[in-house]
Amino acid sequence: MEAYNLPIGLRSWFTQRLIKQLEMEKEAIENASKGKGSSNSNTHTLTPNNAPSLPPQFAPPGSQK
């Protein structure tokens, strides 16, 4: 692990900060799986307003500009 080569003071800070980060990530994953957190629940739904356009090579004949 990267903390092995750090001085003792930085090693201690690094490991504590890593623990804090992992706990925050775990909480975020749990909240996301419960449906909490983001107020925009349509982030993964494609609509005509947010769908990507069809690449020209796959467009039907006669519709290319």
PDB file of N, CA and C in Angstrom:
ATOM      1  N   MET A   1       0.848  -1.179   0.000  1.00  0.00           N
ATOM      2  CA  MET A   1       0.000   0.000   0.000  1.00  0.00           C
ATOM      3  C   MET A   1       0.890   1.238   0.000  1.00  0.00           C
ATOM      4  N   GLU A   2       0.333   2.342  -0.461  1.00  0.00           N
ATOM      5  CA  GLU A   2       1.080   3.584  -0.584  1.00  0.00           C
ATOM      6  C   GLU A   2       1.515   4.150   0.757  1.00  0.00           C
ATOM      7  N   ALA A   3       0.813   3.892   1.816  1.00  0.00           N
ATOM      8  CA  ALA A   3       1.138   4.469   3.124  1.00  0.00           C
ATOM      9  C   ALA A   3       2.427   3.887   3.704  1.00  0.00           C
ATOM     10  N   TYR A   4       2.870   2.770   3.216  1.00  0.00           N
ATOM     11  CA  TYR A   4       4.041   2.102   3.778  1.00  0.00           C
ATOM     12  C   TYR A   4       5.296   2.978   3.721  1.00  0.00           C
ATOM     13  N   ASN A   5       5.468   3.737   2.661  1.00  0.00           N
ATOM     14  CA  ASN A   5       6.674   4.541   2.482  1.00  0.00           C
ATOM     15  C   ASN A   5       6.565   5.943   3.070  1.00  0.00           C
ATOM     16  N   LEU A   6       5.444   6.296   3.673  1.00  0.00           N
ATOM     17  CA  LEU A   6       5.266   7.631   4.243  1.00  0.00           C
ATOM     18  C   LEU A   6       5.872   7.719   5.640  1.00  0.00           C
ATOM     19  N   PRO A   7       6.260   8.938   6.052  1.00  0.00           N
ATOM     20  CA  PRO A   7       6.669   9.136   7.446  1.00  0.00           C
ATOM     21  C   PRO A   7       5.498   8.814   8.377  1.00  0.00           C
ATOM     22  N   ILE A   8       5.785   8.486   9.625  1.00  0.00           N
ATOM     23  CA  ILE A   8       4.772   8.020  10.575  1.00  0.00           C
ATOM     24  C   ILE A   8       3.596   8.989  10.701  1.00  0.00           C
ATOM     25  N   GLY A   9       3.872  10.290  10.817  1.00  0.00           N
ATOM     26  CA  GLY A   9       2.794  11.268  10.965  1.00  0.00           C
ATOM     27  C   GLY A   9       1.872  11.293   9.762  1.00  0.00           C
ATOM     28  N   LEU A  10       2.451  11.316   8.575  1.00  0.00           N
ATOM     29  CA  LEU A  10       1.645  11.298   7.362  1.00  0.00           C
ATOM     30  C   LEU A  10       0.950   9.957   7.180  1.00  0.00           C
ATOM     31  N   ARG A  11       1.598   8.897   7.571  1.00  0.00           N
ATOM     32  CA  ARG A  11       1.001   7.562   7.461  1.00  0.00           C
ATOM     33  C   ARG A  11      -0.268   7.475   8.302  1.00  0.00           C
ATOM     34  N   SER A  12      -0.197   8.011   9.517  1.00  0.00           N
ATOM     35  CA  SER A  12      -1.359   8.002  10.397  1.00  0.00           C
ATOM     36  C   SER A  12      -2.491   8.830   9.799  1.00  0.00           C
ATOM     37  N   TRP A  13      -2.147  10.042   9.309  1.00  0.00           N
ATOM     38  CA  TRP A  13      -3.174  10.889   8.700  1.00  0.00           C
ATOM     39  C   TRP A  13      -3.774  10.196   7.476  1.00  0.00           C
ATOM     40  N   PHE A  14      -2.925   9.613   6.645  1.00  0.00           N
ATOM     41  CA  PHE A  14      -3.372   8.969   5.415  1.00  0.00           C
ATOM     42  C   PHE A  14      -4.341   7.823   5.713  1.00  0.00           C
ATOM     43  N   THR A  15      -4.007   7.003   6.681  1.00  0.00           N
ATOM     44  CA  THR A  15      -4.885   5.870   6.979  1.00  0.00           C
ATOM     45  C   THR A  15      -6.213   6.341   7.568  1.00  0.00           C
ATOM     46  N   GLN A  16      -6.188   7.365   8.420  1.00  0.00           N
ATOM     47  CA  GLN A  16      -7.438   7.892   8.978  1.00  0.00           C
ATOM     48  C   GLN A  16      -8.295   8.511   7.872  1.00  0.00           C
ATOM     49  N   ARG A  17      -7.657   9.234   6.964  1.00  0.00           N
ATOM     50  CA  ARG A  17      -8.396   9.859   5.862  1.00  0.00           C
ATOM     51  C   ARG A  17      -8.939   8.805   4.912  1.00  0.00           C
ATOM     52  N   LEU A  18      -8.195   7.749   4.695  1.00  0.00           N
ATOM     53  CA  LEU A  18      -8.658   6.665   3.840  1.00  0.00           C
ATOM     54  C   LEU A  18      -9.879   5.980   4.454  1.00  0.00           C
ATOM     55  N   ILE A  19      -9.843   5.749   5.750  1.00  0.00           N
ATOM     56  CA  ILE A  19     -10.984   5.151   6.447  1.00  0.00           C
ATOM     57  C   ILE A  19     -12.210   6.040   6.302  1.00  0.00           C
ATOM     58  N   LYS A  20     -12.030   7.350   6.498  1.00  0.00           N
ATOM     59  CA  LYS A  20     -13.136   8.302   6.370  1.00  0.00           C
ATOM     60  C   LYS A  20     -13.707   8.273   4.956  1.00  0.00           C
ATOM     61  N   GLN A  21     -12.837   8.255   3.950  1.00  0.00           N
ATOM     62  CA  GLN A  21     -13.282   8.231   2.562  1.00  0.00           C
ATOM     63  C   GLN A  21     -14.065   6.963   2.252  1.00  0.00           C
ATOM     64  N   LEU A  22     -13.580   5.836   2.701  1.00  0.00           N
ATOM     65  CA  LEU A  22     -14.271   4.571   2.441  1.00  0.00           C
ATOM     66  C   LEU A  22     -15.632   4.526   3.128  1.00  0.00           C
ATOM     67  N   GLU A  23     -15.730   5.097   4.338  1.00  0.00           N
ATOM     68  CA  GLU A  23     -17.014   5.154   5.027  1.00  0.00           C
ATOM     69  C   GLU A  23     -17.997   6.064   4.281  1.00  0.00           C
ATOM     70  N   MET A  24     -17.496   7.186   3.756  1.00  0.00           N
ATOM     71  CA  MET A  24     -18.352   8.090   2.985  1.00  0.00           C
ATOM     72  C   MET A  24     -18.852   7.413   1.715  1.00  0.00           C
ATOM     73  N   GLU A  25     -17.979   6.677   1.045  1.00  0.00           N
ATOM     74  CA  GLU A  25     -18.377   5.970  -0.162  1.00  0.00           C
ATOM     75  C   GLU A  25     -19.396   4.883   0.142  1.00  0.00           C
ATOM     76  N   LYS A  26     -19.195   4.168   1.245  1.00  0.00           N
ATOM     77  CA  LYS A  26     -20.141   3.127   1.638  1.00  0.00           C
ATOM     78  C   LYS A  26     -21.513   3.729   1.906  1.00  0.00           C
ATOM     79  N   GLU A  27     -21.543   4.860   2.607  1.00  0.00           N
ATOM     80  CA  GLU A  27     -22.811   5.525   2.912  1.00  0.00           C
ATOM     81  C   GLU A  27     -23.489   6.007   1.631  1.00  0.00           C
ATOM     82  N   ALA A  28     -22.715   6.542   0.696  1.00  0.00           N
ATOM     83  CA  ALA A  28     -23.280   7.006  -0.571  1.00  0.00           C
ATOM     84  C   ALA A  28     -23.876   5.842  -1.361  1.00  0.00           C
ATOM     85  N   ILE A  29     -23.203   4.704  -1.355  1.00  0.00           N
ATOM     86  CA  ILE A  29     -23.720   3.523  -2.054  1.00  0.00           C
ATOM     87  C   ILE A  29     -25.000   3.040  -1.403  1.00  0.00           C
ATOM     88  N   GLU A  30     -25.031   3.018  -0.075  1.00  0.00           N
ATOM     89  CA  GLU A  30     -26.234   2.589   0.629  1.00  0.00           C
ATOM     90  C   GLU A  30     -27.398   3.533   0.351  1.00  0.00           C
ATOM     91  N   ASN A  31     -27.141   4.841   0.367  1.00  0.00           N
ATOM     92  CA  ASN A  31     -28.199   5.807   0.085  1.00  0.00           C
ATOM     93  C   ASN A  31     -28.700   5.680  -1.346  1.00  0.00           C
ATOM     94  N   ALA A  32     -27.802   5.436  -2.278  1.00  0.00           N
ATOM     95  CA  ALA A  32     -28.204   5.281  -3.675  1.00  0.00           C
ATOM     96  C   ALA A  32     -29.040   4.023  -3.860  1.00  0.00           C
ATOM     97  N   SER A  33     -28.690   2.965  -3.154  1.00  0.00           N
ATOM     98  CA  SER A  33     -29.454   1.725  -3.310  1.00  0.00           C
ATOM     99  C   SER A  33     -30.824   1.823  -2.659  1.00  0.00           C
ATOM    100  N   LYS A  34     -30.975   2.721  -1.693  1.00  0.00           N
ATOM    101  CA  LYS A  34     -32.274   2.937  -1.047  1.00  0.00           C
ATOM    102  C   LYS A  34     -33.105   3.978  -1.779  1.00  0.00           C
ATOM    103  N   GLY A  35     -32.514   4.628  -2.772  1.00  0.00           N
ATOM    104  CA  GLY A  35     -33.239   5.639  -3.521  1.00  0.00           C
ATOM    105  C   GLY A  35     -33.138   7.014  -2.902  1.00  0.00           C
ATOM    106  N   LYS A  36     -32.264   7.202  -1.934  1.00  0.00           N
ATOM    107  CA  LYS A  36     -32.096   8.503  -1.298  1.00  0.00           C
ATOM    108  C   LYS A  36     -30.993   9.269  -2.004  1.00  0.00           C
ATOM    109  N   GLY A  37     -30.881  10.531  -1.663  1.00  0.00           N
ATOM    110  CA  GLY A  37     -29.765  11.329  -2.149  1.00  0.00           C
ATOM    111  C   GLY A  37     -30.158  12.223  -3.283  1.00  0.00           C
ATOM    112  N   SER A  38     -30.002  11.784  -4.493  1.00  0.00           N
ATOM    113  CA  SER A  38     -30.220  12.620  -5.662  1.00  0.00           C
ATOM    114  C   SER A  38     -31.685  12.977  -5.818  1.00  0.00           C
ATOM    115  N   SER A  39     -31.951  14.248  -6.056  1.00  0.00           N
ATOM    116  CA  SER A  39     -33.324  14.689  -6.260  1.00  0.00           C
ATOM    117  C   SER A  39     -33.773  14.435  -7.690  1.00  0.00           C
ATOM    118  N   ASN A  40     -32.845  14.186  -8.594  1.00  0.00           N
ATOM    119  CA  ASN A  40     -33.174  13.930  -9.985  1.00  0.00           C
ATOM    120  C   ASN A  40     -33.161  12.429 -10.226  1.00  0.00           C
ATOM    121  N   SER A  41     -34.333  11.804 -10.158  1.00  0.00           N
ATOM    122  CA  SER A  41     -34.409  10.351 -10.305  1.00  0.00           C
ATOM    123  C   SER A  41     -34.453   9.927 -11.764  1.00  0.00           C
ATOM    124  N   ASN A  42     -34.518  10.860 -12.715  1.00  0.00           N
ATOM    125  CA  ASN A  42     -34.597  10.522 -14.132  1.00  0.00           C
ATOM    126  C   ASN A  42     -33.244  10.554 -14.814  1.00  0.00           C
ATOM    127  N   THR A  43     -32.176  10.437 -14.087  1.00  0.00           N
ATOM    128  CA  THR A  43     -30.856  10.567 -14.681  1.00  0.00           C
ATOM    129  C   THR A  43     -30.516   9.432 -15.631  1.00  0.00           C
ATOM    130  N   HIS A  44     -31.187   8.305 -15.529  1.00  0.00           N
ATOM    131  CA  HIS A  44     -30.863   7.162 -16.382  1.00  0.00           C
ATOM    132  C   HIS A  44     -31.975   6.850 -17.376  1.00  0.00           C
ATOM    133  N   THR A  45     -32.925   7.738 -17.533  1.00  0.00           N
ATOM    134  CA  THR A  45     -34.025   7.510 -18.446  1.00  0.00           C
ATOM    135  C   THR A  45     -33.815   8.338 -19.705  1.00  0.00           C
ATOM    136  N   LEU A  46     -33.794   7.679 -20.853  1.00  0.00           N
ATOM    137  CA  LEU A  46     -33.643   8.393 -22.113  1.00  0.00           C
ATOM    138  C   LEU A  46     -35.008   8.870 -22.587  1.00  0.00           C
ATOM    139  N   THR A  47     -35.050  10.119 -22.981  1.00  0.00           N
ATOM    140  CA  THR A  47     -36.253  10.716 -23.557  1.00  0.00           C
ATOM    141  C   THR A  47     -35.829  11.341 -24.885  1.00  0.00           C
ATOM    142  N   PRO A  48     -36.774  11.793 -25.690  1.00  0.00           N
ATOM    143  CA  PRO A  48     -36.378  12.469 -26.930  1.00  0.00           C
ATOM    144  C   PRO A  48     -35.510  13.708 -26.679  1.00  0.00           C
ATOM    145  N   ASN A  49     -35.607  14.290 -25.486  1.00  0.00           N
ATOM    146  CA  ASN A  49     -34.835  15.492 -25.172  1.00  0.00           C
ATOM    147  C   ASN A  49     -33.391  15.202 -24.788  1.00  0.00           C
ATOM    148  N   ASN A  50     -33.099  14.007 -24.269  1.00  0.00           N
ATOM    149  CA  ASN A  50     -31.733  13.736 -23.831  1.00  0.00           C
ATOM    150  C   ASN A  50     -31.105  12.530 -24.517  1.00  0.00           C
ATOM    151  N   ALA A  51     -31.783  11.936 -25.479  1.00  0.00           N
ATOM    152  CA  ALA A  51     -31.246  10.779 -26.186  1.00  0.00           C
ATOM    153  C   ALA A  51     -30.179  11.230 -27.186  1.00  0.00           C
ATOM    154  N   PRO A  52     -29.122  10.451 -27.353  1.00  0.00           N
ATOM    155  CA  PRO A  52     -28.106  10.815 -28.343  1.00  0.00           C
ATOM    156  C   PRO A  52     -28.663  10.668 -29.753  1.00  0.00           C
ATOM    157  N   SER A  53     -28.115  11.452 -30.661  1.00  0.00           N
ATOM    158  CA  SER A  53     -28.576  11.358 -32.048  1.00  0.00           C
ATOM    159  C   SER A  53     -27.983  10.114 -32.698  1.00  0.00           C
ATOM    160  N   LEU A  54     -28.648   9.680 -33.750  1.00  0.00           N
ATOM    161  CA  LEU A  54     -28.224   8.492 -34.485  1.00  0.00           C
ATOM    162  C   LEU A  54     -26.999   8.838 -35.327  1.00  0.00           C
ATOM    163  N   PRO A  55     -25.931   8.036 -35.267  1.00  0.00           N
ATOM    164  CA  PRO A  55     -24.753   8.312 -36.102  1.00  0.00           C
ATOM    165  C   PRO A  55     -25.136   8.284 -37.579  1.00  0.00           C
ATOM    166  N   PRO A  56     -24.514   9.120 -38.394  1.00  0.00           N
ATOM    167  CA  PRO A  56     -24.898   9.202 -39.817  1.00  0.00           C
ATOM    168  C   PRO A  56     -24.824   7.868 -40.551  1.00  0.00           C
ATOM    169  N   GLN A  57     -23.861   7.020 -40.219  1.00  0.00           N
ATOM    170  CA  GLN A  57     -23.738   5.750 -40.937  1.00  0.00           C
ATOM    171  C   GLN A  57     -24.887   4.793 -40.648  1.00  0.00           C
ATOM    172  N   PHE A  58     -25.686   5.055 -39.598  1.00  0.00           N
ATOM    173  CA  PHE A  58     -26.814   4.195 -39.265  1.00  0.00           C
ATOM    174  C   PHE A  58     -28.158   4.847 -39.575  1.00  0.00           C
ATOM    175  N   ALA A  59     -28.139   6.060 -40.081  1.00  0.00           N
ATOM    176  CA  ALA A  59     -29.377   6.759 -40.399  1.00  0.00           C
ATOM    177  C   ALA A  59     -30.042   6.103 -41.619  1.00  0.00           C
ATOM    178  N   PRO A  60     -31.373   6.129 -41.669  1.00  0.00           N
ATOM    179  CA  PRO A  60     -32.070   5.559 -42.826  1.00  0.00           C
ATOM    180  C   PRO A  60     -31.700   6.312 -44.120  1.00  0.00           C
ATOM    181  N   PRO A  61     -31.684   5.630 -45.256  1.00  0.00           N
ATOM    182  CA  PRO A  61     -31.340   6.293 -46.523  1.00  0.00           C
ATOM    183  C   PRO A  61     -32.274   7.461 -46.802  1.00  0.00           C
ATOM    184  N   GLY A  62     -31.729   8.548 -47.326  1.00  0.00           N
ATOM    185  CA  GLY A  62     -32.526   9.719 -47.672  1.00  0.00           C
ATOM    186  C   GLY A  62     -32.683  10.715 -46.548  1.00  0.00           C
ATOM    187  N   SER A  63     -32.281  10.361 -45.301  1.00  0.00           N
ATOM    188  CA  SER A  63     -32.446  11.287 -44.186  1.00  0.00           C
ATOM    189  C   SER A  63     -31.142  11.999 -43.835  1.00  0.00           C
ATOM    190  N   GLN A  64     -30.046  11.658 -44.541  1.00  0.00           N
ATOM    191  CA  GLN A  64     -28.761  12.309 -44.268  1.00  0.00           C
ATOM    192  C   GLN A  64     -28.731  13.682 -44.882  1.00  0.00           C
ATOM    193  N   LYS A  65     -28.068  14.612 -44.198  1.00  0.00           N
ATOM    194  CA  LYS A  65     -27.980  15.988 -44.681  1.00  0.00           C
ATOM    195  C   LYS A  65     -26.751  16.172 -45.519  1.00  0.00           C
TER     196      LYS A  65
END
